[in-house]
Amino acid sequence: LKPRDAELLRRVELNDEVVAEVARSLGLSASAASVALHRARATLRRKLEDFCGDCAKGACLDCDCAGTP
């Protein structure tokens, strides 16, 4: 992922920060950050499906696929 996209995902999804606050800190409008976040989620989803296959469509936190390190 692009560094900005990874930061958006990390802060919003993992750290439970508010999109508008993250956007402000990154110099983005809230709407631009929302669009970037949507695209980052889609990119991550595709990358997980490419790496893990069909099991990525389930619960990745309970991953038991061959791609698990």
Protein backbone atom coordinates (compact mmCIF):
# COMPACT_ATOMS: atom_id res chain seq x y z
CA LEU A 1 0.00 0.00 0.00
CA LYS A 2 1.02 3.59 -0.44
CA PRO A 3 2.35 5.01 2.83
CA ARG A 4 -0.54 7.47 3.16
CA ASP A 5 -3.10 4.74 2.53
CA ALA A 6 -1.44 2.47 5.08
CA GLU A 7 -1.45 5.30 7.62
CA LEU A 8 -5.13 6.02 6.98
CA LEU A 9 -6.04 2.37 7.46
CA ARG A 10 -3.88 1.99 10.54
CA ARG A 11 -5.19 5.08 12.26
CA VAL A 12 -8.88 4.69 11.38
CA GLU A 13 -9.29 0.91 11.49
CA LEU A 14 -6.77 -0.12 14.13
CA ASN A 15 -6.48 2.97 16.32
CA ASP A 16 -10.17 3.97 16.04
CA GLU A 17 -9.33 7.57 15.15
CA VAL A 18 -11.99 9.74 13.51
CA VAL A 19 -11.58 10.12 9.74
CA ALA A 20 -11.96 13.92 9.88
CA GLU A 21 -9.20 14.22 12.49
CA VAL A 22 -6.84 11.96 10.57
CA ALA A 23 -7.62 13.89 7.39
CA ARG A 24 -6.80 17.17 9.05
CA SER A 25 -3.47 15.88 10.33
CA LEU A 26 -2.59 14.64 6.82
CA GLY A 27 -3.63 17.87 5.12
CA LEU A 28 -6.67 16.34 3.41
CA SER A 29 -10.32 17.24 3.40
CA ALA A 30 -12.60 14.79 5.19
CA SER A 31 -14.21 13.79 1.88
CA ALA A 32 -10.83 13.20 0.20
CA ALA A 33 -9.72 11.08 3.16
CA SER A 34 -12.94 9.06 3.01
CA VAL A 35 -12.41 8.34 -0.68
CA ALA A 36 -8.74 7.44 -0.08
CA LEU A 37 -9.77 5.18 2.81
CA HIS A 38 -12.36 3.42 0.65
CA ARG A 39 -9.75 2.84 -2.07
CA ALA A 40 -7.15 1.69 0.47
CA ARG A 41 -9.59 -0.88 1.89
CA ALA A 42 -10.30 -2.17 -1.62
CA THR A 43 -6.59 -2.38 -2.44
CA LEU A 44 -5.85 -4.21 0.81
CA ARG A 45 -8.74 -6.60 0.17
CA ARG A 46 -7.38 -7.42 -3.32
CA LYS A 47 -3.84 -7.89 -2.01
CA LEU A 48 -5.06 -10.24 0.73
CA GLU A 49 -7.09 -12.25 -1.77
CA ASP A 50 -4.06 -12.47 -4.09
CA PHE A 51 -1.81 -13.59 -1.23
CA CYS A 52 -4.14 -15.87 0.70
CA GLY A 53 -6.72 -16.89 -1.87
CA ASP A 54 -10.31 -17.65 -0.93
CA CYS A 55 -9.63 -17.86 2.79
CA ALA A 56 -9.03 -14.06 2.77
CA LYS A 57 -12.76 -13.61 2.18
CA GLY A 58 -13.42 -14.91 5.69
CA ALA A 59 -11.92 -13.78 8.97
CA CYS A 60 -8.25 -13.00 8.39
CA LEU A 61 -7.63 -12.62 12.10
CA ASP A 62 -8.25 -16.36 12.39
CA CYS A 63 -6.07 -17.14 9.37
CA ASP A 64 -4.94 -20.70 8.86
CA CYS A 65 -3.90 -20.46 5.22
CA ALA A 66 -0.52 -21.51 3.84
CA GLY A 67 0.45 -17.82 3.48
CA THR A 68 0.61 -17.35 7.25
CA PRO A 69 4.21 -16.62 8.32
